Amino acid sequence: MRLREEMIEYLSKVLMDGLVKGGYIELKGKKEEVEGRIRTVIREDLLVEDRLNEEVREILRAYAHEIDRGEIDYMKMFNLVKSKLVKERGLIL
């Protein structure tokens, strides 16, 4: 799932503000640095799902003939394979 950069920036600010206001963290550095680290984590997490989606597409290419003939529903198979890989790898998406 892709998020626009503006949304990532917004989420990082909201998360940081919530953590500070809730007393979960105490800033020892600059607010901008913390927000930058949060943005990096969000981007990296989104890349995990992007790479997983590409891996699922690659797996399903082996079944292109059956999919083209209508023997296999692509989206159903995509979600099934993705769910299986998520479970096997212990991912949280």
PDB file of N, CA and C in Angstrom:
ATOM      1  N   MET A   1       0.844  -1.169   0.000  1.00  0.00           N
ATOM      2  CA  MET A   1       0.000   0.000   0.000  1.00  0.00           C
ATOM      3  C   MET A   1       0.891   1.235   0.000  1.00  0.00           C
ATOM      4  N   ARG A   2       0.631   2.110  -0.940  1.00  0.00           N
ATOM      5  CA  ARG A   2       1.445   3.313  -1.053  1.00  0.00           C
ATOM      6  C   ARG A   2       0.780   4.481  -0.332  1.00  0.00           C
ATOM      7  N   LEU A   3       1.583   5.249   0.326  1.00  0.00           N
ATOM      8  CA  LEU A   3       1.127   6.489   0.953  1.00  0.00           C
ATOM      9  C   LEU A   3       1.903   7.634   0.323  1.00  0.00           C
ATOM     10  N   ARG A   4       1.222   8.727   0.110  1.00  0.00           N
ATOM     11  CA  ARG A   4       1.912   9.912  -0.393  1.00  0.00           C
ATOM     12  C   ARG A   4       2.858  10.426   0.685  1.00  0.00           C
ATOM     13  N   GLU A   5       3.893  11.096   0.246  1.00  0.00           N
ATOM     14  CA  GLU A   5       4.896  11.618   1.176  1.00  0.00           C
ATOM     15  C   GLU A   5       4.267  12.554   2.207  1.00  0.00           C
ATOM     16  N   GLU A   6       3.271  13.325   1.785  1.00  0.00           N
ATOM     17  CA  GLU A   6       2.597  14.237   2.717  1.00  0.00           C
ATOM     18  C   GLU A   6       1.928  13.461   3.856  1.00  0.00           C
ATOM     19  N   MET A   7       1.350  12.319   3.521  1.00  0.00           N
ATOM     20  CA  MET A   7       0.690  11.501   4.538  1.00  0.00           C
ATOM     21  C   MET A   7       1.719  10.894   5.489  1.00  0.00           C
ATOM     22  N   ILE A   8       2.853  10.479   4.962  1.00  0.00           N
ATOM     23  CA  ILE A   8       3.915   9.935   5.809  1.00  0.00           C
ATOM     24  C   ILE A   8       4.414  11.009   6.772  1.00  0.00           C
ATOM     25  N   GLU A   9       4.590  12.220   6.269  1.00  0.00           N
ATOM     26  CA  GLU A   9       5.022  13.322   7.138  1.00  0.00           C
ATOM     27  C   GLU A   9       3.983  13.605   8.218  1.00  0.00           C
ATOM     28  N   TYR A  10       2.722  13.631   7.829  1.00  0.00           N
ATOM     29  CA  TYR A  10       1.642  13.878   8.787  1.00  0.00           C
ATOM     30  C   TYR A  10       1.616  12.791   9.864  1.00  0.00           C
ATOM     31  N   LEU A  11       1.691  11.538   9.439  1.00  0.00           N
ATOM     32  CA  LEU A  11       1.670  10.424  10.393  1.00  0.00           C
ATOM     33  C   LEU A  11       2.849  10.491  11.359  1.00  0.00           C
ATOM     34  N   SER A  12       4.015  10.842  10.851  1.00  0.00           N
ATOM     35  CA  SER A  12       5.191  10.905  11.728  1.00  0.00           C
ATOM     36  C   SER A  12       5.015  11.984  12.787  1.00  0.00           C
ATOM     37  N   LYS A  13       4.440  13.121  12.407  1.00  0.00           N
ATOM     38  CA  LYS A  13       4.205  14.196  13.379  1.00  0.00           C
ATOM     39  C   LYS A  13       3.165  13.783  14.415  1.00  0.00           C
ATOM     40  N   VAL A  14       2.075  13.171  13.954  1.00  0.00           N
ATOM     41  CA  VAL A  14       1.017  12.743  14.873  1.00  0.00           C
ATOM     42  C   VAL A  14       1.546  11.685  15.841  1.00  0.00           C
ATOM     43  N   LEU A  15       2.296  10.715  15.322  1.00  0.00           N
ATOM     44  CA  LEU A  15       2.859   9.668  16.179  1.00  0.00           C
ATOM     45  C   LEU A  15       3.804  10.248  17.221  1.00  0.00           C
ATOM     46  N   MET A  16       4.703  11.114  16.768  1.00  0.00           N
ATOM     47  CA  MET A  16       5.654  11.686  17.705  1.00  0.00           C
ATOM     48  C   MET A  16       4.952  12.522  18.763  1.00  0.00           C
ATOM     49  N   ASP A  17       4.022  13.367  18.339  1.00  0.00           N
ATOM     50  CA  ASP A  17       3.295  14.195  19.306  1.00  0.00           C
ATOM     51  C   ASP A  17       2.542  13.331  20.317  1.00  0.00           C
ATOM     52  N   GLY A  18       1.919  12.260  19.836  1.00  0.00           N
ATOM     53  CA  GLY A  18       1.190  11.364  20.734  1.00  0.00           C
ATOM     54  C   GLY A  18       2.102  10.663  21.724  1.00  0.00           C
ATOM     55  N   LEU A  19       3.267  10.237  21.256  1.00  0.00           N
ATOM     56  CA  LEU A  19       4.221   9.568  22.145  1.00  0.00           C
ATOM     57  C   LEU A  19       4.754  10.519  23.211  1.00  0.00           C
ATOM     58  N   VAL A  20       5.031  11.753  22.817  1.00  0.00           N
ATOM     59  CA  VAL A  20       5.538  12.744  23.779  1.00  0.00           C
ATOM     60  C   VAL A  20       4.443  13.128  24.767  1.00  0.00           C
ATOM     61  N   LYS A  21       3.272  13.470  24.261  1.00  0.00           N
ATOM     62  CA  LYS A  21       2.172  13.900  25.132  1.00  0.00           C
ATOM     63  C   LYS A  21       1.715  12.786  26.065  1.00  0.00           C
ATOM     64  N   GLY A  22       1.782  11.551  25.581  1.00  0.00           N
ATOM     65  CA  GLY A  22       1.382  10.416  26.403  1.00  0.00           C
ATOM     66  C   GLY A  22       2.440  10.001  27.410  1.00  0.00           C
ATOM     67  N   GLY A  23       3.596  10.619  27.344  1.00  0.00           N
ATOM     68  CA  GLY A  23       4.662  10.294  28.277  1.00  0.00           C
ATOM     69  C   GLY A  23       5.409   9.014  27.935  1.00  0.00           C
ATOM     70  N   TYR A  24       5.253   8.530  26.694  1.00  0.00           N
ATOM     71  CA  TYR A  24       5.916   7.292  26.296  1.00  0.00           C
ATOM     72  C   TYR A  24       7.378   7.513  25.940  1.00  0.00           C
ATOM     73  N   ILE A  25       7.682   8.734  25.481  1.00  0.00           N
ATOM     74  CA  ILE A  25       9.072   9.060  25.177  1.00  0.00           C
ATOM     75  C   ILE A  25       9.377  10.466  25.678  1.00  0.00           C
ATOM     76  N   GLU A  26      10.650  10.685  25.910  1.00  0.00           N
ATOM     77  CA  GLU A  26      11.126  12.012  26.275  1.00  0.00           C
ATOM     78  C   GLU A  26      12.171  12.397  25.234  1.00  0.00           C
ATOM     79  N   LEU A  27      11.957  13.515  24.573  1.00  0.00           N
ATOM     80  CA  LEU A  27      12.878  13.936  23.524  1.00  0.00           C
ATOM     81  C   LEU A  27      14.214  14.354  24.111  1.00  0.00           C
ATOM     82  N   LYS A  28      15.275  13.761  23.572  1.00  0.00           N
ATOM     83  CA  LYS A  28      16.618  14.153  23.983  1.00  0.00           C
ATOM     84  C   LYS A  28      17.340  14.806  22.820  1.00  0.00           C
ATOM     85  N   GLY A  29      16.712  14.712  21.655  1.00  0.00           N
ATOM     86  CA  GLY A  29      17.282  15.331  20.463  1.00  0.00           C
ATOM     87  C   GLY A  29      16.283  16.306  19.879  1.00  0.00           C
ATOM     88  N   LYS A  30      16.531  16.658  18.640  1.00  0.00           N
ATOM     89  CA  LYS A  30      15.652  17.591  17.955  1.00  0.00           C
ATOM     90  C   LYS A  30      14.385  16.877  17.492  1.00  0.00           C
ATOM     91  N   LYS A  31      13.281  17.582  17.599  1.00  0.00           N
ATOM     92  CA  LYS A  31      11.984  17.048  17.176  1.00  0.00           C
ATOM     93  C   LYS A  31      12.040  16.593  15.711  1.00  0.00           C
ATOM     94  N   GLU A  32      12.695  17.370  14.872  1.00  0.00           N
ATOM     95  CA  GLU A  32      12.777  17.056  13.446  1.00  0.00           C
ATOM     96  C   GLU A  32      13.531  15.749  13.196  1.00  0.00           C
ATOM     97  N   GLU A  33      14.550  15.479  14.010  1.00  0.00           N
ATOM     98  CA  GLU A  33      15.312  14.237  13.854  1.00  0.00           C
ATOM     99  C   GLU A  33      14.454  13.028  14.198  1.00  0.00           C
ATOM    100  N   VAL A  34      13.676  13.155  15.254  1.00  0.00           N
ATOM    101  CA  VAL A  34      12.797  12.052  15.658  1.00  0.00           C
ATOM    102  C   VAL A  34      11.751  11.809  14.584  1.00  0.00           C
ATOM    103  N   GLU A  35      11.145  12.878  14.090  1.00  0.00           N
ATOM    104  CA  GLU A  35      10.159  12.735  13.021  1.00  0.00           C
ATOM    105  C   GLU A  35      10.792  12.093  11.788  1.00  0.00           C
ATOM    106  N   GLY A  36      12.028  12.457  11.487  1.00  0.00           N
ATOM    107  CA  GLY A  36      12.735  11.865  10.357  1.00  0.00           C
ATOM    108  C   GLY A  36      12.934  10.371  10.528  1.00  0.00           C
ATOM    109  N   ARG A  37      13.270   9.960  11.725  1.00  0.00           N
ATOM    110  CA  ARG A  37      13.438   8.520  11.996  1.00  0.00           C
ATOM    111  C   ARG A  37      12.108   7.782  11.867  1.00  0.00           C
ATOM    112  N   ILE A  38      11.043   8.405  12.345  1.00  0.00           N
ATOM    113  CA  ILE A  38       9.716   7.788  12.227  1.00  0.00           C
ATOM    114  C   ILE A  38       9.340   7.661  10.751  1.00  0.00           C
ATOM    115  N   ARG A  39       9.600   8.699   9.956  1.00  0.00           N
ATOM    116  CA  ARG A  39       9.305   8.640   8.516  1.00  0.00           C
ATOM    117  C   ARG A  39      10.081   7.501   7.856  1.00  0.00           C
ATOM    118  N   THR A  40      11.340   7.344   8.245  1.00  0.00           N
ATOM    119  CA  THR A  40      12.162   6.274   7.680  1.00  0.00           C
ATOM    120  C   THR A  40      11.572   4.908   7.996  1.00  0.00           C
ATOM    121  N   VAL A  41      11.138   4.711   9.221  1.00  0.00           N
ATOM    122  CA  VAL A  41      10.538   3.431   9.620  1.00  0.00           C
ATOM    123  C   VAL A  41       9.259   3.171   8.830  1.00  0.00           C
ATOM    124  N   ILE A  42       8.438   4.198   8.665  1.00  0.00           N
ATOM    125  CA  ILE A  42       7.192   4.038   7.904  1.00  0.00           C
ATOM    126  C   ILE A  42       7.506   3.651   6.461  1.00  0.00           C
ATOM    127  N   ARG A  43       8.450   4.356   5.842  1.00  0.00           N
ATOM    128  CA  ARG A  43       8.819   4.047   4.451  1.00  0.00           C
ATOM    129  C   ARG A  43       9.345   2.618   4.320  1.00  0.00           C
ATOM    130  N   GLU A  44      10.211   2.211   5.242  1.00  0.00           N
ATOM    131  CA  GLU A  44      10.769   0.854   5.199  1.00  0.00           C
ATOM    132  C   GLU A  44       9.673  -0.189   5.351  1.00  0.00           C
ATOM    133  N   ASP A  45       8.717   0.085   6.224  1.00  0.00           N
ATOM    134  CA  ASP A  45       7.613  -0.845   6.423  1.00  0.00           C
ATOM    135  C   ASP A  45       6.768  -0.960   5.155  1.00  0.00           C
ATOM    136  N   LEU A  46       6.533   0.151   4.490  1.00  0.00           N
ATOM    137  CA  LEU A  46       5.770   0.122   3.244  1.00  0.00           C
ATOM    138  C   LEU A  46       6.514  -0.652   2.164  1.00  0.00           C
ATOM    139  N   LEU A  47       7.836  -0.555   2.157  1.00  0.00           N
ATOM    140  CA  LEU A  47       8.626  -1.294   1.176  1.00  0.00           C
ATOM    141  C   LEU A  47       8.534  -2.799   1.391  1.00  0.00           C
ATOM    142  N   VAL A  48       8.372  -3.225   2.630  1.00  0.00           N
ATOM    143  CA  VAL A  48       8.211  -4.656   2.914  1.00  0.00           C
ATOM    144  C   VAL A  48       6.992  -5.180   2.174  1.00  0.00           C
ATOM    145  N   GLU A  49       5.883  -4.457   2.255  1.00  0.00           N
ATOM    146  CA  GLU A  49       4.668  -4.901   1.572  1.00  0.00           C
ATOM    147  C   GLU A  49       4.830  -4.820   0.054  1.00  0.00           C
ATOM    148  N   ASP A  50       5.502  -3.800  -0.437  1.00  0.00           N
ATOM    149  CA  ASP A  50       5.736  -3.696  -1.881  1.00  0.00           C
ATOM    150  C   ASP A  50       6.544  -4.887  -2.388  1.00  0.00           C
ATOM    151  N   ARG A  51       7.604  -5.235  -1.656  1.00  0.00           N
ATOM    152  CA  ARG A  51       8.432  -6.384  -2.063  1.00  0.00           C
ATOM    153  C   ARG A  51       7.636  -7.685  -1.984  1.00  0.00           C
ATOM    154  N   LEU A  52       6.810  -7.810  -0.962  1.00  0.00           N
ATOM    155  CA  LEU A  52       5.977  -9.002  -0.826  1.00  0.00           C
ATOM    156  C   LEU A  52       5.006  -9.104  -2.000  1.00  0.00           C
ATOM    157  N   ASN A  53       4.367  -7.996  -2.356  1.00  0.00           N
ATOM    158  CA  ASN A  53       3.442  -7.999  -3.489  1.00  0.00           C
ATOM    159  C   ASN A  53       4.145  -8.417  -4.773  1.00  0.00           C
ATOM    160  N   GLU A  54       5.354  -7.930  -4.983  1.00  0.00           N
ATOM    161  CA  GLU A  54       6.109  -8.307  -6.177  1.00  0.00           C
ATOM    162  C   GLU A  54       6.447  -9.795  -6.153  1.00  0.00           C
ATOM    163  N   GLU A  55       6.786 -10.315  -4.993  1.00  0.00           N
ATOM    164  CA  GLU A  55       7.076 -11.747  -4.870  1.00  0.00           C
ATOM    165  C   GLU A  55       5.837 -12.580  -5.185  1.00  0.00           C
ATOM    166  N   VAL A  56       4.684 -12.147  -4.708  1.00  0.00           N
ATOM    167  CA  VAL A  56       3.434 -12.861  -4.993  1.00  0.00           C
ATOM    168  C   VAL A  56       3.157 -12.834  -6.496  1.00  0.00           C
ATOM    169  N   ARG A  57       3.337 -11.673  -7.136  1.00  0.00           N
ATOM    170  CA  ARG A  57       3.130 -11.587  -8.591  1.00  0.00           C
ATOM    171  C   ARG A  57       4.060 -12.543  -9.327  1.00  0.00           C
ATOM    172  N   GLU A  58       5.303 -12.630  -8.859  1.00  0.00           N
ATOM    173  CA  GLU A  58       6.272 -13.540  -9.481  1.00  0.00           C
ATOM    174  C   GLU A  58       5.820 -14.994  -9.330  1.00  0.00           C
ATOM    175  N   ILE A  59       5.354 -15.359  -8.160  1.00  0.00           N
ATOM    176  CA  ILE A  59       4.857 -16.723  -7.928  1.00  0.00           C
ATOM    177  C   ILE A  59       3.689 -17.019  -8.859  1.00  0.00           C
ATOM    178  N   LEU A  60       2.788 -16.056  -9.004  1.00  0.00           N
ATOM    179  CA  LEU A  60       1.590 -16.276  -9.819  1.00  0.00           C
ATOM    180  C   LEU A  60       1.889 -16.303 -11.314  1.00  0.00           C
ATOM    181  N   ARG A  61       3.031 -15.771 -11.727  1.00  0.00           N
ATOM    182  CA  ARG A  61       3.399 -15.839 -13.148  1.00  0.00           C
ATOM    183  C   ARG A  61       3.514 -17.289 -13.607  1.00  0.00           C
ATOM    184  N   ALA A  62       3.860 -18.167 -12.696  1.00  0.00           N
ATOM    185  CA  ALA A  62       3.958 -19.591 -13.027  1.00  0.00           C
ATOM    186  C   ALA A  62       2.595 -20.177 -13.374  1.00  0.00           C
ATOM    187  N   TYR A  63       1.536 -19.499 -12.970  1.00  0.00           N
ATOM    188  CA  TYR A  63       0.178 -19.971 -13.229  1.00  0.00           C
ATOM    189  C   TYR A  63      -0.548 -19.091 -14.241  1.00  0.00           C
ATOM    190  N   ALA A  64       0.206 -18.347 -15.041  1.00  0.00           N
ATOM    191  CA  ALA A  64      -0.391 -17.400 -15.992  1.00  0.00           C
ATOM    192  C   ALA A  64      -1.333 -18.094 -16.967  1.00  0.00           C
ATOM    193  N   HIS A  65      -0.965 -19.267 -17.420  1.00  0.00           N
ATOM    194  CA  HIS A  65      -1.797 -19.988 -18.385  1.00  0.00           C
ATOM    195  C   HIS A  65      -3.161 -20.329 -17.777  1.00  0.00           C
ATOM    196  N   GLU A  66      -3.152 -20.863 -16.570  1.00  0.00           N
ATOM    197  CA  GLU A  66      -4.407 -21.218 -15.909  1.00  0.00           C
ATOM    198  C   GLU A  66      -5.247 -19.975 -15.603  1.00  0.00           C
ATOM    199  N   ILE A  67      -4.579 -18.894 -15.235  1.00  0.00           N
ATOM    200  CA  ILE A  67      -5.283 -17.645 -14.939  1.00  0.00           C
ATOM    201  C   ILE A  67      -5.916 -17.103 -16.215  1.00  0.00           C
ATOM    202  N   ASP A  68      -5.161 -17.127 -17.311  1.00  0.00           N
ATOM    203  CA  ASP A  68      -5.680 -16.639 -18.592  1.00  0.00           C
ATOM    204  C   ASP A  68      -6.877 -17.451 -19.066  1.00  0.00           C
ATOM    205  N   ARG A  69      -6.870 -18.736 -18.792  1.00  0.00           N
ATOM    206  CA  ARG A  69      -7.994 -19.585 -19.201  1.00  0.00           C
ATOM    207  C   ARG A  69      -9.169 -19.476 -18.248  1.00  0.00           C
ATOM    208  N   GLY A  70      -9.004 -18.740 -17.177  1.00  0.00           N
ATOM    209  CA  GLY A  70     -10.099 -18.553 -16.231  1.00  0.00           C
ATOM    210  C   GLY A  70     -10.227 -19.676 -15.218  1.00  0.00           C
ATOM    211  N   GLU A  71      -9.242 -20.559 -15.164  1.00  0.00           N
ATOM    212  CA  GLU A  71      -9.292 -21.669 -14.220  1.00  0.00           C
ATOM    213  C   GLU A  71      -8.959 -21.213 -12.801  1.00  0.00           C
ATOM    214  N   ILE A  72      -8.234 -20.110 -12.698  1.00  0.00           N
ATOM    215  CA  ILE A  72      -7.840 -19.578 -11.394  1.00  0.00           C
ATOM    216  C   ILE A  72      -8.183 -18.094 -11.371  1.00  0.00           C
ATOM    217  N   ASP A  73      -8.824 -17.653 -10.296  1.00  0.00           N
ATOM    218  CA  ASP A  73      -9.124 -16.235 -10.115  1.00  0.00           C
ATOM    219  C   ASP A  73      -7.867 -15.549  -9.579  1.00  0.00           C
ATOM    220  N   TYR A  74      -7.332 -14.595 -10.345  1.00  0.00           N
ATOM    221  CA  TYR A  74      -6.060 -13.965 -10.005  1.00  0.00           C
ATOM    222  C   TYR A  74      -6.092 -13.305  -8.634  1.00  0.00           C
ATOM    223  N   MET A  75      -7.085 -12.470  -8.372  1.00  0.00           N
ATOM    224  CA  MET A  75      -7.125 -11.738  -7.099  1.00  0.00           C
ATOM    225  C   MET A  75      -7.303 -12.680  -5.907  1.00  0.00           C
ATOM    226  N   LYS A  76      -8.116 -13.692  -6.094  1.00  0.00           N
ATOM    227  CA  LYS A  76      -8.312 -14.660  -5.008  1.00  0.00           C
ATOM    228  C   LYS A  76      -6.994 -15.374  -4.707  1.00  0.00           C
ATOM    229  N   MET A  77      -6.303 -15.783  -5.765  1.00  0.00           N
ATOM    230  CA  MET A  77      -5.024 -16.471  -5.589  1.00  0.00           C
ATOM    231  C   MET A  77      -3.976 -15.526  -5.015  1.00  0.00           C
ATOM    232  N   PHE A  78      -3.966 -14.272  -5.493  1.00  0.00           N
ATOM    233  CA  PHE A  78      -3.017 -13.279  -4.996  1.00  0.00           C
ATOM    234  C   PHE A  78      -3.168 -13.127  -3.490  1.00  0.00           C
ATOM    235  N   ASN A  79      -4.398 -12.923  -3.047  1.00  0.00           N
ATOM    236  CA  ASN A  79      -4.653 -12.740  -1.613  1.00  0.00           C
ATOM    237  C   ASN A  79      -4.326 -13.992  -0.813  1.00  0.00           C
ATOM    238  N   LEU A  80      -4.603 -15.153  -1.379  1.00  0.00           N
ATOM    239  CA  LEU A  80      -4.307 -16.414  -0.698  1.00  0.00           C
ATOM    240  C   LEU A  80      -2.798 -16.596  -0.519  1.00  0.00           C
ATOM    241  N   VAL A  81      -2.044 -16.396  -1.595  1.00  0.00           N
ATOM    242  CA  VAL A  81      -0.586 -16.555  -1.533  1.00  0.00           C
ATOM    243  C   VAL A  81       0.019 -15.508  -0.596  1.00  0.00           C
ATOM    244  N   LYS A  82      -0.457 -14.279  -0.704  1.00  0.00           N
ATOM    245  CA  LYS A  82       0.062 -13.212   0.150  1.00  0.00           C
ATOM    246  C   LYS A  82      -0.211 -13.520   1.616  1.00  0.00           C
ATOM    247  N   SER A  83      -1.421 -13.952   1.928  1.00  0.00           N
ATOM    248  CA  SER A  83      -1.764 -14.294   3.316  1.00  0.00           C
ATOM    249  C   SER A  83      -0.876 -15.408   3.844  1.00  0.00           C
ATOM    250  N   LYS A  84      -0.614 -16.396   2.991  1.00  0.00           N
ATOM    251  CA  LYS A  84       0.230 -17.518   3.406  1.00  0.00           C
ATOM    252  C   LYS A  84       1.655 -17.043   3.703  1.00  0.00           C
ATOM    253  N   LEU A  85       2.198 -16.205   2.830  1.00  0.00           N
ATOM    254  CA  LEU A  85       3.553 -15.698   3.049  1.00  0.00           C
ATOM    255  C   LEU A  85       3.623 -14.811   4.290  1.00  0.00           C
ATOM    256  N   VAL A  86       2.611 -13.999   4.495  1.00  0.00           N
ATOM    257  CA  VAL A  86       2.566 -13.138   5.686  1.00  0.00           C
ATOM    258  C   VAL A  86       2.585 -13.990   6.946  1.00  0.00           C
ATOM    259  N   LYS A  87       1.777 -15.034   6.951  1.00  0.00           N
ATOM    260  CA  LYS A  87       1.696 -15.912   8.123  1.00  0.00           C
ATOM    261  C   LYS A  87       3.014 -16.656   8.340  1.00  0.00           C
ATOM    262  N   GLU A  88       3.581 -17.203   7.260  1.00  0.00           N
ATOM    263  CA  GLU A  88       4.837 -17.945   7.366  1.00  0.00           C
ATOM    264  C   GLU A  88       5.974 -17.079   7.900  1.00  0.00           C
ATOM    265  N   ARG A  89       5.984 -15.823   7.496  1.00  0.00           N
ATOM    266  CA  ARG A  89       7.080 -14.926   7.859  1.00  0.00           C
ATOM    267  C   ARG A  89       6.799 -14.100   9.103  1.00  0.00           C
ATOM    268  N   GLY A  90       5.598 -14.238   9.630  1.00  0.00           N
ATOM    269  CA  GLY A  90       5.248 -13.492  10.834  1.00  0.00           C
ATOM    270  C   GLY A  90       5.194 -11.988  10.617  1.00  0.00           C
ATOM    271  N   LEU A  91       4.783 -11.595   9.415  1.00  0.00           N
ATOM    272  CA  LEU A  91       4.709 -10.170   9.094  1.00  0.00           C
ATOM    273  C   LEU A  91       3.413  -9.565   9.609  1.00  0.00           C
ATOM    274  N   ILE A  92       3.460  -8.287   9.871  1.00  0.00           N
ATOM    275  CA  ILE A  92       2.267  -7.530  10.224  1.00  0.00           C
ATOM    276  C   ILE A  92       2.153  -6.425   9.193  1.00  0.00           C
ATOM    277  N   LEU A  93       1.070  -6.477   8.420  1.00  0.00           N
ATOM    278  CA  LEU A  93       0.889  -5.465   7.365  1.00  0.00           C
ATOM    279  C   LEU A  93      -0.200  -4.494   7.741  1.00  0.00           C
TER     280      LEU A  93
END
